[in-house]
Amino acid sequence: MPLSRFFYQDPAAPEPTRPLSLGVVALIEREGTLLLEQRADAGRWGLIGGVVEMGESLEGALRREVEEETRLAVSRFSLFGTFSDPSRRIQYPQGDVLRIVTLAYAVEVEDFGALALSDESTELRFFSRDELPRVDVVETHRHIVDAFLTQPPIVLA
């Protein structure tokens, strides 16, 4: 089965075949570690998140994606950053190529006891700040993780 491919600042990236897409990702920390999922469609690591659906708010998409991919319930969140470089692209196995603008949120959840895999991932794991630079993170999330690493720990008020 072909895998999804991810591009960031790659001149060889394919041209988008669909209109601009909007996505959300969650930076979920626990005791100084960051939650990542090993994506079933790529075999590589990424942040929890996905595309905002038509008729859906950003908050609604964030809550839905976190619940779908981890079974966790969002209790609080705050905008971490907006990532809109036009070179951010995803090519899906069926051939669609999306240019994606992503809003990243610092997220707190109600209870980590509910943490569970979805069909979209093969593993969920918390990585320390020391481990994150060596993790094989998809290109469209690597620069978000790098921005997370250069900022002081996130504290939601």
C-alpha atoms as a PDB file:
ATOM      1  CA  MET A   1       0.000   0.000   0.000  1.00  0.00           C
ATOM      2  CA  PRO A   2       1.436   3.402  -0.935  1.00  0.00           C
ATOM      3  CA  LEU A   3       2.116   5.778   1.919  1.00  0.00           C
ATOM      4  CA  SER A   4       1.290   9.445   2.370  1.00  0.00           C
ATOM      5  CA  ARG A   5       4.203  11.773   1.629  1.00  0.00           C
ATOM      6  CA  PHE A   6       4.936  15.095   3.318  1.00  0.00           C
ATOM      7  CA  PHE A   7       6.819  18.109   1.972  1.00  0.00           C
ATOM      8  CA  TYR A   8       8.217  21.309   3.448  1.00  0.00           C
ATOM      9  CA  GLN A   9      10.493  23.674   1.538  1.00  0.00           C
ATOM     10  CA  ASP A  10      11.149  20.945  -1.029  1.00  0.00           C
ATOM     11  CA  PRO A  11      11.431  22.248  -4.613  1.00  0.00           C
ATOM     12  CA  ALA A  12      10.572  18.748  -5.871  1.00  0.00           C
ATOM     13  CA  ALA A  13       7.204  18.734  -4.065  1.00  0.00           C
ATOM     14  CA  PRO A  14       4.219  18.042  -6.314  1.00  0.00           C
ATOM     15  CA  GLU A  15       1.802  20.853  -7.102  1.00  0.00           C
ATOM     16  CA  PRO A  16      -1.465  20.930  -5.118  1.00  0.00           C
ATOM     17  CA  THR A  17      -4.406  19.248  -6.851  1.00  0.00           C
ATOM     18  CA  ARG A  18      -7.094  20.572  -4.477  1.00  0.00           C
ATOM     19  CA  PRO A  19      -7.947  23.956  -2.929  1.00  0.00           C
ATOM     20  CA  LEU A  20      -6.058  25.209   0.106  1.00  0.00           C
ATOM     21  CA  SER A  21      -6.758  23.139   3.235  1.00  0.00           C
ATOM     22  CA  LEU A  22      -6.884  24.257   6.840  1.00  0.00           C
ATOM     23  CA  GLY A  23      -5.618  21.974   9.597  1.00  0.00           C
ATOM     24  CA  VAL A  24      -5.239  21.932  13.367  1.00  0.00           C
ATOM     25  CA  VAL A  25      -2.703  20.138  15.545  1.00  0.00           C
ATOM     26  CA  ALA A  26      -2.514  19.663  19.306  1.00  0.00           C
ATOM     27  CA  LEU A  27       0.614  20.058  21.402  1.00  0.00           C
ATOM     28  CA  ILE A  28      -0.308  17.808  24.322  1.00  0.00           C
ATOM     29  CA  GLU A  29       2.263  17.754  27.110  1.00  0.00           C
ATOM     30  CA  ARG A  30       2.522  15.510  30.143  1.00  0.00           C
ATOM     31  CA  GLU A  31       5.282  16.055  32.701  1.00  0.00           C
ATOM     32  CA  GLY A  32       7.567  17.777  30.192  1.00  0.00           C
ATOM     33  CA  THR A  33       6.969  15.276  27.373  1.00  0.00           C
ATOM     34  CA  LEU A  34       5.064  15.772  24.100  1.00  0.00           C
ATOM     35  CA  LEU A  35       2.505  13.316  22.702  1.00  0.00           C
ATOM     36  CA  LEU A  36       3.048  12.117  19.127  1.00  0.00           C
ATOM     37  CA  GLU A  37       1.309   9.473  17.046  1.00  0.00           C
ATOM     38  CA  GLN A  38       2.954   7.061  14.663  1.00  0.00           C
ATOM     39  CA  ARG A  39       0.793   7.562  11.597  1.00  0.00           C
ATOM     40  CA  ALA A  40      -0.714   4.450  10.020  1.00  0.00           C
ATOM     41  CA  ASP A  41      -0.634   6.165   6.591  1.00  0.00           C
ATOM     42  CA  ALA A  42       3.093   6.915   6.711  1.00  0.00           C
ATOM     43  CA  GLY A  43       4.784   4.850   9.421  1.00  0.00           C
ATOM     44  CA  ARG A  44       6.299   8.083  10.751  1.00  0.00           C
ATOM     45  CA  TRP A  45       5.543  10.336  13.725  1.00  0.00           C
ATOM     46  CA  GLY A  46       3.293  13.380  13.752  1.00  0.00           C
ATOM     47  CA  LEU A  47       1.328  15.628  16.028  1.00  0.00           C
ATOM     48  CA  ILE A  48      -2.277  14.850  16.868  1.00  0.00           C
ATOM     49  CA  GLY A  49      -4.536  16.666  14.426  1.00  0.00           C
ATOM     50  CA  GLY A  50      -6.037  16.860  10.990  1.00  0.00           C
ATOM     51  CA  VAL A  51      -8.022  18.831   8.461  1.00  0.00           C
ATOM     52  CA  VAL A  52     -10.833  21.200   9.476  1.00  0.00           C
ATOM     53  CA  GLU A  53     -14.035  19.977   7.836  1.00  0.00           C
ATOM     54  CA  MET A  54     -16.519  22.230   6.009  1.00  0.00           C
ATOM     55  CA  GLY A  55     -18.943  23.828   8.469  1.00  0.00           C
ATOM     56  CA  GLU A  56     -16.651  23.093  11.417  1.00  0.00           C
ATOM     57  CA  SER A  57     -15.040  25.653  13.732  1.00  0.00           C
ATOM     58  CA  LEU A  58     -11.342  25.515  14.588  1.00  0.00           C
ATOM     59  CA  GLU A  59     -12.237  24.640  18.187  1.00  0.00           C
ATOM     60  CA  GLY A  60     -14.609  21.927  17.009  1.00  0.00           C
ATOM     61  CA  ALA A  61     -11.973  20.436  14.702  1.00  0.00           C
ATOM     62  CA  LEU A  62      -9.357  20.496  17.467  1.00  0.00           C
ATOM     63  CA  ARG A  63     -11.654  18.749  19.942  1.00  0.00           C
ATOM     64  CA  ARG A  64     -12.796  16.199  17.318  1.00  0.00           C
ATOM     65  CA  GLU A  65      -9.277  15.342  16.132  1.00  0.00           C
ATOM     66  CA  VAL A  66      -7.911  14.912  19.665  1.00  0.00           C
ATOM     67  CA  GLU A  67     -10.854  12.689  20.614  1.00  0.00           C
ATOM     68  CA  GLU A  68     -10.730  10.645  17.378  1.00  0.00           C
ATOM     69  CA  GLU A  69      -6.988  10.039  17.467  1.00  0.00           C
ATOM     70  CA  THR A  70      -6.399   9.612  21.211  1.00  0.00           C
ATOM     71  CA  ARG A  71      -9.816   9.254  22.926  1.00  0.00           C
ATOM     72  CA  LEU A  72      -8.768  12.207  25.134  1.00  0.00           C
ATOM     73  CA  ALA A  73     -11.113  15.126  25.895  1.00  0.00           C
ATOM     74  CA  VAL A  74      -9.755  18.668  25.538  1.00  0.00           C
ATOM     75  CA  SER A  75     -10.259  20.750  28.686  1.00  0.00           C
ATOM     76  CA  ARG A  76      -8.352  23.927  27.704  1.00  0.00           C
ATOM     77  CA  PHE A  77      -6.338  25.172  24.769  1.00  0.00           C
ATOM     78  CA  SER A  78      -4.434  28.201  23.555  1.00  0.00           C
ATOM     79  CA  LEU A  79      -3.107  29.136  20.112  1.00  0.00           C
ATOM     80  CA  PHE A  80       0.592  28.257  19.876  1.00  0.00           C
ATOM     81  CA  GLY A  81       1.215  29.373  16.315  1.00  0.00           C
ATOM     82  CA  THR A  82       0.128  29.543  12.677  1.00  0.00           C
ATOM     83  CA  PHE A  83       2.140  27.695  10.043  1.00  0.00           C
ATOM     84  CA  SER A  84       1.345  28.815   6.503  1.00  0.00           C
ATOM     85  CA  ASP A  85       4.465  28.413   4.349  1.00  0.00           C
ATOM     86  CA  PRO A  86       3.089  27.621   0.854  1.00  0.00           C
ATOM     87  CA  SER A  87       5.565  24.737   0.540  1.00  0.00           C
ATOM     88  CA  ARG A  88       3.717  22.719   3.233  1.00  0.00           C
ATOM     89  CA  ARG A  89       2.142  19.915   1.208  1.00  0.00           C
ATOM     90  CA  ILE A  90       0.791  16.417   1.724  1.00  0.00           C
ATOM     91  CA  GLN A  91       0.420  13.825  -1.031  1.00  0.00           C
ATOM     92  CA  TYR A  92      -2.070  11.094  -0.152  1.00  0.00           C
ATOM     93  CA  PRO A  93      -1.862   7.546  -1.570  1.00  0.00           C
ATOM     94  CA  GLN A  94      -4.802   8.101  -3.957  1.00  0.00           C
ATOM     95  CA  GLY A  95      -2.829  10.992  -5.527  1.00  0.00           C
ATOM     96  CA  ASP A  96      -4.445  14.104  -4.026  1.00  0.00           C
ATOM     97  CA  VAL A  97      -1.919  16.780  -3.076  1.00  0.00           C
ATOM     98  CA  LEU A  98      -2.935  19.370  -0.483  1.00  0.00           C
ATOM     99  CA  ARG A  99      -1.312  22.634   0.459  1.00  0.00           C
ATOM    100  CA  ILE A 100      -2.138  22.974   4.140  1.00  0.00           C
ATOM    101  CA  VAL A 101      -2.178  25.903   6.557  1.00  0.00           C
ATOM    102  CA  THR A 102      -1.990  24.617  10.136  1.00  0.00           C
ATOM    103  CA  LEU A 103      -2.950  26.246  13.414  1.00  0.00           C
ATOM    104  CA  ALA A 104      -1.115  24.627  16.322  1.00  0.00           C
ATOM    105  CA  TYR A 105      -2.650  24.721  19.790  1.00  0.00           C
ATOM    106  CA  ALA A 106      -1.246  24.038  23.239  1.00  0.00           C
ATOM    107  CA  VAL A 107      -3.818  21.629  24.676  1.00  0.00           C
ATOM    108  CA  GLU A 108      -4.655  20.361  28.142  1.00  0.00           C
ATOM    109  CA  VAL A 109      -6.805  17.253  28.472  1.00  0.00           C
ATOM    110  CA  GLU A 110      -9.183  16.115  31.184  1.00  0.00           C
ATOM    111  CA  ASP A 111      -7.685  12.697  31.972  1.00  0.00           C
ATOM    112  CA  PHE A 112      -4.798  10.789  30.391  1.00  0.00           C
ATOM    113  CA  GLY A 113      -6.372   7.525  31.595  1.00  0.00           C
ATOM    114  CA  ALA A 114      -8.584   7.490  28.487  1.00  0.00           C
ATOM    115  CA  LEU A 115      -5.586   7.503  26.082  1.00  0.00           C
ATOM    116  CA  ALA A 116      -6.104   4.919  23.322  1.00  0.00           C
ATOM    117  CA  LEU A 117      -5.102   4.295  19.691  1.00  0.00           C
ATOM    118  CA  SER A 118      -7.329   4.984  16.726  1.00  0.00           C
ATOM    119  CA  ASP A 119      -7.251   3.425  13.253  1.00  0.00           C
ATOM    120  CA  GLU A 120      -5.177   6.423  12.127  1.00  0.00           C
ATOM    121  CA  SER A 121      -2.143   5.504  14.224  1.00  0.00           C
ATOM    122  CA  THR A 122      -0.058   2.484  15.122  1.00  0.00           C
ATOM    123  CA  GLU A 123       1.392   3.928  18.324  1.00  0.00           C
ATOM    124  CA  LEU A 124       0.966   6.866  20.700  1.00  0.00           C
ATOM    125  CA  ARG A 125       4.016   7.895  22.684  1.00  0.00           C
ATOM    126  CA  PHE A 126       5.249  10.769  24.840  1.00  0.00           C
ATOM    127  CA  PHE A 127       8.726  12.031  23.894  1.00  0.00           C
ATOM    128  CA  SER A 128      11.023  14.153  26.055  1.00  0.00           C
ATOM    129  CA  ARG A 129      12.423  17.415  24.714  1.00  0.00           C
ATOM    130  CA  ASP A 130      15.821  15.677  24.457  1.00  0.00           C
ATOM    131  CA  GLU A 131      14.376  12.876  22.294  1.00  0.00           C
ATOM    132  CA  LEU A 132      12.279  15.029  19.936  1.00  0.00           C
ATOM    133  CA  PRO A 133      15.118  16.259  17.662  1.00  0.00           C
ATOM    134  CA  ARG A 134      15.942  12.635  16.761  1.00  0.00           C
ATOM    135  CA  VAL A 135      12.363  11.449  16.142  1.00  0.00           C
ATOM    136  CA  ASP A 136      11.364  10.886  12.482  1.00  0.00           C
ATOM    137  CA  VAL A 137       8.568  13.493  12.363  1.00  0.00           C
ATOM    138  CA  VAL A 138       6.750  14.137   9.066  1.00  0.00           C
ATOM    139  CA  GLU A 139       7.960  17.253   7.258  1.00  0.00           C
ATOM    140  CA  THR A 140       4.728  19.205   7.707  1.00  0.00           C
ATOM    141  CA  HIS A 141       5.051  18.817  11.501  1.00  0.00           C
ATOM    142  CA  ARG A 142       8.846  18.890  11.981  1.00  0.00           C
ATOM    143  CA  HIS A 143       9.060  22.700  11.942  1.00  0.00           C
ATOM    144  CA  ILE A 144       6.135  22.913  14.405  1.00  0.00           C
ATOM    145  CA  VAL A 145       7.925  20.521  16.775  1.00  0.00           C
ATOM    146  CA  ASP A 146      11.132  22.553  16.313  1.00  0.00           C
ATOM    147  CA  ALA A 147       9.236  25.762  17.200  1.00  0.00           C
ATOM    148  CA  PHE A 148       7.858  23.981  20.281  1.00  0.00           C
ATOM    149  CA  LEU A 149      11.420  23.043  21.294  1.00  0.00           C
ATOM    150  CA  THR A 150      12.688  26.621  21.032  1.00  0.00           C
ATOM    151  CA  GLN A 151       9.909  28.043  23.207  1.00  0.00           C
ATOM    152  CA  PRO A 152       9.757  27.858  26.985  1.00  0.00           C
ATOM    153  CA  PRO A 153       7.358  25.216  28.349  1.00  0.00           C
ATOM    154  CA  ILE A 154       3.735  26.086  27.568  1.00  0.00           C
ATOM    155  CA  VAL A 155       1.636  27.194  30.517  1.00  0.00           C
ATOM    156  CA  LEU A 156      -2.086  27.688  29.934  1.00  0.00           C
ATOM    157  CA  ALA A 157      -3.570  30.442  32.073  1.00  0.00           C
END
